Amino acid sequence: MKISQRGHGLVGTIVTLAVICLLAFAGYKVWQSRQAETNTSNQPETSQEQELDQTDAELDSTASEVDESLDTTELDADIDSML
């Protein structure tokens, strides 16, 4: 008794197409979720942005206060006395 393999080509083609479609769908879903993550991470909330601006301004003012309060004459005198 001979076994007919005529339908194997059609079944194999259908299975291959199904696997390709499944992989394409999975790839699309991954791409779509990464696009959504990228869009949300690139847009900081305005409260965070305002907080960063405020902190930056405070650091600038503190740095200028420190620069103004430095008196190097005593340090220069100590270094000169060691030499």
N, C-alpha and C. Protein backbone atom coordinates (compact mmCIF):
# COMPACT_ATOMS: atom_id res chain seq x y z
N MET A 1 0.84 -1.16 0.00
CA MET A 1 0.00 0.00 0.00
C MET A 1 0.90 1.24 0.00
N LYS A 2 0.65 2.13 -0.95
CA LYS A 2 1.42 3.35 -1.07
C LYS A 2 0.72 4.48 -0.31
N ILE A 3 1.56 5.33 0.33
CA ILE A 3 1.01 6.49 1.04
C ILE A 3 1.18 7.69 0.13
N SER A 4 0.10 8.40 -0.10
CA SER A 4 0.13 9.58 -0.97
C SER A 4 0.65 10.78 -0.19
N GLN A 5 1.60 11.47 -0.78
CA GLN A 5 2.15 12.67 -0.15
C GLN A 5 1.79 13.91 -0.95
N ARG A 6 0.74 13.87 -1.67
CA ARG A 6 0.33 15.01 -2.49
C ARG A 6 -0.04 16.22 -1.65
N GLY A 7 -0.69 16.03 -0.53
CA GLY A 7 -1.16 17.14 0.29
C GLY A 7 -0.09 17.72 1.20
N HIS A 8 1.05 17.09 1.28
CA HIS A 8 2.11 17.57 2.17
C HIS A 8 2.60 18.97 1.78
N GLY A 9 2.70 19.25 0.54
CA GLY A 9 3.15 20.56 0.09
C GLY A 9 2.19 21.65 0.52
N LEU A 10 0.91 21.40 0.42
CA LEU A 10 -0.09 22.39 0.80
C LEU A 10 -0.12 22.60 2.31
N VAL A 11 -0.08 21.50 3.07
CA VAL A 11 -0.10 21.60 4.53
C VAL A 11 1.17 22.30 5.03
N GLY A 12 2.30 21.94 4.47
CA GLY A 12 3.56 22.57 4.86
C GLY A 12 3.56 24.06 4.58
N THR A 13 3.01 24.45 3.44
CA THR A 13 2.93 25.86 3.07
C THR A 13 2.02 26.62 4.03
N ILE A 14 0.90 26.02 4.38
CA ILE A 14 -0.05 26.68 5.31
C ILE A 14 0.59 26.84 6.69
N VAL A 15 1.26 25.80 7.17
CA VAL A 15 1.92 25.88 8.48
C VAL A 15 3.02 26.94 8.45
N THR A 16 3.81 26.97 7.38
CA THR A 16 4.88 27.97 7.26
C THR A 16 4.31 29.38 7.26
N LEU A 17 3.26 29.61 6.51
CA LEU A 17 2.62 30.93 6.48
C LEU A 17 2.06 31.31 7.85
N ALA A 18 1.48 30.33 8.55
CA ALA A 18 0.94 30.61 9.88
C ALA A 18 2.05 31.02 10.85
N VAL A 19 3.20 30.33 10.79
CA VAL A 19 4.32 30.66 11.66
C VAL A 19 4.87 32.04 11.32
N ILE A 20 4.99 32.35 10.04
CA ILE A 20 5.48 33.67 9.61
C ILE A 20 4.53 34.77 10.09
N CYS A 21 3.25 34.55 9.95
CA CYS A 21 2.27 35.54 10.41
C CYS A 21 2.33 35.72 11.92
N LEU A 22 2.51 34.64 12.65
CA LEU A 22 2.61 34.72 14.10
C LEU A 22 3.85 35.50 14.52
N LEU A 23 4.98 35.23 13.89
CA LEU A 23 6.21 35.97 14.19
C LEU A 23 6.09 37.45 13.82
N ALA A 24 5.45 37.73 12.70
CA ALA A 24 5.27 39.13 12.29
C ALA A 24 4.37 39.87 13.28
N PHE A 25 3.32 39.22 13.73
CA PHE A 25 2.42 39.85 14.70
C PHE A 25 3.14 40.10 16.03
N ALA A 26 3.93 39.13 16.49
CA ALA A 26 4.67 39.30 17.74
C ALA A 26 5.69 40.43 17.60
N GLY A 27 6.38 40.50 16.47
CA GLY A 27 7.34 41.57 16.24
C GLY A 27 6.67 42.94 16.21
N TYR A 28 5.51 43.00 15.59
CA TYR A 28 4.76 44.27 15.54
C TYR A 28 4.36 44.72 16.95
N LYS A 29 3.90 43.78 17.78
CA LYS A 29 3.48 44.13 19.13
C LYS A 29 4.67 44.63 19.96
N VAL A 30 5.83 43.98 19.81
CA VAL A 30 7.03 44.42 20.53
C VAL A 30 7.43 45.82 20.06
N TRP A 31 7.44 46.03 18.76
CA TRP A 31 7.79 47.35 18.21
C TRP A 31 6.83 48.41 18.71
N GLN A 32 5.55 48.09 18.72
CA GLN A 32 4.53 49.05 19.16
C GLN A 32 4.71 49.39 20.65
N SER A 33 5.01 48.41 21.48
CA SER A 33 5.18 48.69 22.91
C SER A 33 6.44 49.50 23.16
N ARG A 34 7.49 49.26 22.40
CA ARG A 34 8.71 50.05 22.56
C ARG A 34 8.52 51.48 22.09
N GLN A 35 7.74 51.69 21.06
CA GLN A 35 7.44 53.04 20.60
C GLN A 35 6.68 53.81 21.68
N ALA A 36 5.74 53.14 22.33
CA ALA A 36 4.97 53.78 23.39
C ALA A 36 5.87 54.15 24.56
N GLU A 37 6.82 53.26 24.93
CA GLU A 37 7.75 53.56 26.02
C GLU A 37 8.65 54.74 25.66
N THR A 38 9.10 54.79 24.41
CA THR A 38 9.98 55.87 23.97
C THR A 38 9.24 57.21 24.01
N ASN A 39 7.99 57.23 23.59
CA ASN A 39 7.22 58.47 23.57
C ASN A 39 6.98 59.00 24.98
N THR A 40 6.72 58.12 25.93
CA THR A 40 6.46 58.59 27.29
C THR A 40 7.73 58.97 28.01
N SER A 41 8.86 58.32 27.70
CA SER A 41 10.09 58.64 28.41
C SER A 41 10.74 59.91 27.88
N ASN A 42 10.46 60.32 26.66
CA ASN A 42 11.04 61.53 26.09
C ASN A 42 10.32 62.80 26.52
N GLN A 43 9.16 62.67 27.11
CA GLN A 43 8.38 63.83 27.51
C GLN A 43 8.27 63.88 29.03
N PRO A 44 9.21 64.59 29.70
CA PRO A 44 9.12 64.66 31.16
C PRO A 44 7.90 65.46 31.58
N GLU A 45 7.41 65.13 32.74
CA GLU A 45 6.27 65.87 33.26
C GLU A 45 6.69 67.30 33.57
N THR A 46 5.76 68.21 33.45
CA THR A 46 6.09 69.62 33.67
C THR A 46 6.50 69.87 35.11
N SER A 47 5.96 69.12 36.06
CA SER A 47 6.36 69.33 37.45
C SER A 47 7.82 68.93 37.64
N GLN A 48 8.27 67.88 36.98
CA GLN A 48 9.68 67.49 37.06
C GLN A 48 10.55 68.54 36.41
N GLU A 49 10.10 69.05 35.30
CA GLU A 49 10.87 70.08 34.59
C GLU A 49 10.98 71.34 35.44
N GLN A 50 9.89 71.73 36.07
CA GLN A 50 9.91 72.91 36.93
C GLN A 50 10.81 72.68 38.14
N GLU A 51 10.77 71.48 38.69
CA GLU A 51 11.61 71.17 39.84
C GLU A 51 13.09 71.22 39.45
N LEU A 52 13.42 70.71 38.27
CA LEU A 52 14.80 70.78 37.79
C LEU A 52 15.25 72.23 37.59
N ASP A 53 14.39 73.05 37.03
CA ASP A 53 14.73 74.46 36.85
C ASP A 53 14.95 75.15 38.19
N GLN A 54 14.09 74.87 39.15
CA GLN A 54 14.21 75.48 40.47
C GLN A 54 15.50 75.03 41.15
N THR A 55 15.81 73.76 41.07
CA THR A 55 17.03 73.24 41.68
C THR A 55 18.27 73.84 41.02
N ASP A 56 18.23 73.98 39.72
CA ASP A 56 19.35 74.58 38.99
C ASP A 56 19.57 76.03 39.44
N ALA A 57 18.49 76.76 39.61
CA ALA A 57 18.60 78.15 40.05
C ALA A 57 19.16 78.22 41.47
N GLU A 58 18.73 77.31 42.35
CA GLU A 58 19.24 77.29 43.72
C GLU A 58 20.73 76.96 43.75
N LEU A 59 21.15 76.03 42.92
CA LEU A 59 22.57 75.69 42.87
C LEU A 59 23.41 76.85 42.34
N ASP A 60 22.89 77.55 41.35
CA ASP A 60 23.61 78.71 40.83
C ASP A 60 23.77 79.79 41.89
N SER A 61 22.70 80.05 42.63
CA SER A 61 22.78 81.08 43.66
C SER A 61 23.72 80.65 44.79
N THR A 62 23.70 79.38 45.16
CA THR A 62 24.59 78.88 46.20
C THR A 62 26.04 78.97 45.75
N ALA A 63 26.31 78.64 44.49
CA ALA A 63 27.67 78.71 43.97
C ALA A 63 28.18 80.15 43.98
N SER A 64 27.33 81.08 43.62
CA SER A 64 27.78 82.49 43.62
C SER A 64 27.99 82.98 45.04
N GLU A 65 27.17 82.53 46.01
CA GLU A 65 27.36 82.91 47.41
C GLU A 65 28.68 82.35 47.94
N VAL A 66 29.00 81.14 47.58
CA VAL A 66 30.26 80.53 48.03
C VAL A 66 31.44 81.27 47.42
N ASP A 67 31.34 81.60 46.15
CA ASP A 67 32.42 82.34 45.50
C ASP A 67 32.65 83.70 46.16
N GLU A 68 31.58 84.36 46.53
CA GLU A 68 31.70 85.67 47.15
C GLU A 68 32.27 85.58 48.57
N SER A 69 32.00 84.49 49.27
CA SER A 69 32.42 84.39 50.67
C SER A 69 33.84 83.87 50.82
N LEU A 70 34.46 83.43 49.76
CA LEU A 70 35.83 82.92 49.86
C LEU A 70 36.82 84.06 50.07
N ASP A 71 37.66 83.90 51.07
CA ASP A 71 38.73 84.87 51.34
C ASP A 71 40.03 84.09 51.33
N THR A 72 40.80 84.26 50.31
CA THR A 72 42.02 83.47 50.15
C THR A 72 43.25 84.11 50.78
N THR A 73 43.10 85.27 51.39
CA THR A 73 44.27 85.94 51.95
C THR A 73 44.88 85.12 53.09
N GLU A 74 44.04 84.51 53.94
CA GLU A 74 44.55 83.70 55.04
C GLU A 74 45.25 82.45 54.51
N LEU A 75 44.69 81.83 53.50
CA LEU A 75 45.31 80.67 52.88
C LEU A 75 46.65 81.05 52.25
N ASP A 76 46.68 82.18 51.57
CA ASP A 76 47.93 82.64 50.96
C ASP A 76 48.99 82.89 52.03
N ALA A 77 48.60 83.44 53.16
CA ALA A 77 49.55 83.71 54.24
C ALA A 77 50.09 82.41 54.83
N ASP A 78 49.22 81.41 54.99
CA ASP A 78 49.66 80.12 55.51
C ASP A 78 50.64 79.44 54.54
N ILE A 79 50.35 79.50 53.27
CA ILE A 79 51.23 78.88 52.28
C ILE A 79 52.57 79.61 52.24
N ASP A 80 52.53 80.94 52.30
CA ASP A 80 53.78 81.71 52.31
C ASP A 80 54.62 81.41 53.54
N SER A 81 53.97 81.19 54.67
CA SER A 81 54.73 80.89 55.90
C SER A 81 55.39 79.52 55.83
N MET A 82 54.80 78.57 55.10
CA MET A 82 55.40 77.26 54.95
C MET A 82 56.59 77.27 54.00
N LEU A 83 56.60 78.20 53.08
CA LEU A 83 57.70 78.27 52.11
C LEU A 83 58.80 79.03 52.73
